[in-house]
């Protein structure tokens, strides 16, 4: 299988898994920035960015891809979780920055771990990973 096809498969699967990760992590409720945004709005905003970046990272050297894609996904998911937690939950309450960081890291530990494992298995199956 050529590199472009592998990269496309990996980016599409990571986009689906990223949407699942967001739906597991994000608190219910509307955004306090506009009062109407739903979870789907957050997914439609962030997942296309993830899709493109993972696709481009998949085209890079095999060894670089092995490390950059999982690291990028975890960092990006942490960024999304922080952004959406602040806009959907913390803005309706009185969280300090330390409390926000603690909640995000603790909740993200579970969701990111569960969602990154299928990416590792897919990378091994597609022979992208050398681990």
Protein backbone atom coordinates (compact mmCIF):
# COMPACT_ATOMS: atom_id res chain seq x y z
CA UNK A 1 0.00 0.00 0.00
CA UNK A 2 1.46 3.37 -0.92
CA UNK A 3 2.17 6.21 1.49
CA UNK A 4 -0.70 8.45 0.38
CA UNK A 5 -3.28 5.68 0.85
CA UNK A 6 -1.89 4.78 4.29
CA UNK A 7 -1.85 8.42 5.30
CA UNK A 8 -5.44 8.91 4.13
CA UNK A 9 -6.67 5.84 6.02
CA UNK A 10 -4.83 6.91 9.17
CA UNK A 11 -6.15 10.48 8.98
CA UNK A 12 -9.75 9.36 8.44
CA UNK A 13 -9.64 6.86 11.30
CA UNK A 14 -7.98 9.39 13.60
CA UNK A 15 -10.70 11.92 12.71
CA UNK A 16 -13.44 9.46 13.69
CA UNK A 17 -11.58 8.54 16.89
CA UNK A 18 -10.99 12.24 17.60
CA UNK A 19 -14.74 12.86 17.33
CA UNK A 20 -15.36 9.98 19.73
CA UNK A 21 -12.75 11.38 22.14
CA UNK A 22 -14.45 14.78 22.07
CA UNK A 23 -17.88 13.28 22.68
CA UNK A 24 -16.58 11.21 25.62
CA UNK A 25 -14.73 14.14 27.22
CA UNK A 26 -16.89 17.17 26.62
CA UNK A 27 -19.45 18.14 29.19
CA UNK A 28 -23.02 18.39 28.05
CA UNK A 29 -24.42 21.80 27.49
CA UNK A 30 -24.17 24.73 25.22
CA UNK A 31 -21.28 27.07 24.79
CA UNK A 32 -21.42 30.17 26.94
CA UNK A 33 -19.72 32.19 24.21
CA UNK A 34 -22.83 32.25 22.01
CA UNK A 35 -25.38 30.21 23.96
CA UNK A 36 -26.26 27.90 21.06
CA UNK A 37 -23.19 25.90 20.00
CA UNK A 38 -23.50 22.15 20.47
CA UNK A 39 -20.98 19.32 20.60
CA UNK A 40 -21.35 18.86 16.85
CA UNK A 41 -20.20 22.44 16.29
CA UNK A 42 -17.02 21.73 18.25
CA UNK A 43 -16.39 18.54 16.32
CA UNK A 44 -16.95 20.25 12.97
CA UNK A 45 -14.55 23.02 13.97
CA UNK A 46 -11.61 20.95 15.21
CA UNK A 47 -11.72 17.56 13.50
CA UNK A 48 -11.08 18.85 9.94
CA UNK A 49 -7.93 20.54 11.25
CA UNK A 50 -6.83 17.27 12.83
CA UNK A 51 -7.64 15.38 9.62
CA UNK A 52 -5.43 17.59 7.46
CA UNK A 53 -2.49 17.70 9.88
CA UNK A 54 -2.48 13.91 10.44
CA UNK A 55 -2.64 13.38 6.67
CA UNK A 56 0.35 15.68 6.13
CA UNK A 57 2.29 14.08 9.00
CA UNK A 58 1.59 10.70 7.45
CA UNK A 59 3.40 11.76 4.29
CA UNK A 60 6.62 12.49 6.17
CA UNK A 61 9.42 10.02 6.81
CA UNK A 62 8.30 6.75 8.46
CA UNK A 63 10.36 7.23 11.63
CA UNK A 64 9.12 10.78 12.09
CA UNK A 65 5.51 9.68 11.59
CA UNK A 66 5.88 6.99 14.25
CA UNK A 67 6.43 9.60 16.93
CA UNK A 68 4.82 12.78 15.62
CA UNK A 69 1.30 11.48 14.94
CA UNK A 70 0.58 10.09 18.44
CA UNK A 71 2.25 13.07 20.13
CA UNK A 72 0.38 15.51 17.90
CA UNK A 73 -2.95 13.78 18.54
CA UNK A 74 -2.53 13.80 22.31
CA UNK A 75 -1.46 17.45 22.35
CA UNK A 76 -4.26 18.45 19.98
CA UNK A 77 -6.87 16.54 21.99
CA UNK A 78 -5.64 18.20 25.20
CA UNK A 79 -5.95 21.58 23.49
CA UNK A 80 -9.48 20.75 22.29
CA UNK A 81 -10.48 19.43 25.71
CA UNK A 82 -9.21 22.58 27.41
CA UNK A 83 -10.87 24.89 24.90
CA UNK A 84 -14.22 23.13 25.02
CA UNK A 85 -14.17 22.64 28.81
CA UNK A 86 -13.56 26.35 29.31
CA UNK A 87 -16.28 27.29 26.80
CA UNK A 88 -18.88 24.75 27.95
CA UNK A 89 -18.36 24.18 31.65
CA UNK A 90 -15.87 26.46 33.37
CA UNK A 91 -17.44 29.67 32.08
CA UNK A 92 -20.68 28.84 33.90
CA UNK A 93 -18.81 28.30 37.17
CA UNK A 94 -15.91 29.66 39.18
CA UNK A 95 -12.92 27.50 38.25
CA UNK A 96 -9.39 28.75 38.79
CA UNK A 97 -6.74 28.08 36.15
CA UNK A 98 -5.22 25.39 38.36
CA UNK A 99 -8.57 23.66 38.83
CA UNK A 100 -9.23 23.78 35.08
CA UNK A 101 -5.84 22.22 34.35
CA UNK A 102 -6.38 19.52 36.96
CA UNK A 103 -9.84 18.57 35.67
CA UNK A 104 -8.68 18.53 32.05
CA UNK A 105 -5.61 16.41 32.71
CA UNK A 106 -7.47 13.90 34.88
CA UNK A 107 -10.40 13.48 32.50
CA UNK A 108 -8.16 13.51 29.42
CA UNK A 109 -5.93 10.81 30.83
CA UNK A 110 -8.73 8.30 30.43
CA UNK A 111 -10.22 9.52 27.16
CA UNK A 112 -6.91 10.10 25.37
CA UNK A 113 -5.53 6.74 26.48
CA UNK A 114 -8.61 4.89 25.29
CA UNK A 115 -8.64 6.73 21.97
CA UNK A 116 -4.90 6.62 21.16
CA UNK A 117 -4.69 2.82 21.47
CA UNK A 118 -6.63 2.14 18.22
CA UNK A 119 -4.32 4.59 16.45
CA UNK A 120 -1.27 2.61 17.61
CA UNK A 121 -2.82 -0.65 16.45
CA UNK A 122 -3.75 0.85 13.08
CA UNK A 123 -0.25 2.23 12.62
CA UNK A 124 1.20 -1.21 13.32
CA UNK A 125 -1.25 -2.87 10.93
CA UNK A 126 -0.42 -0.37 8.18
CA UNK A 127 3.27 -0.84 9.01
CA UNK A 128 3.70 2.87 9.67
CA UNK A 129 5.05 2.29 13.13
CA UNK A 130 8.42 0.71 13.82
CA UNK A 131 7.71 0.32 17.53
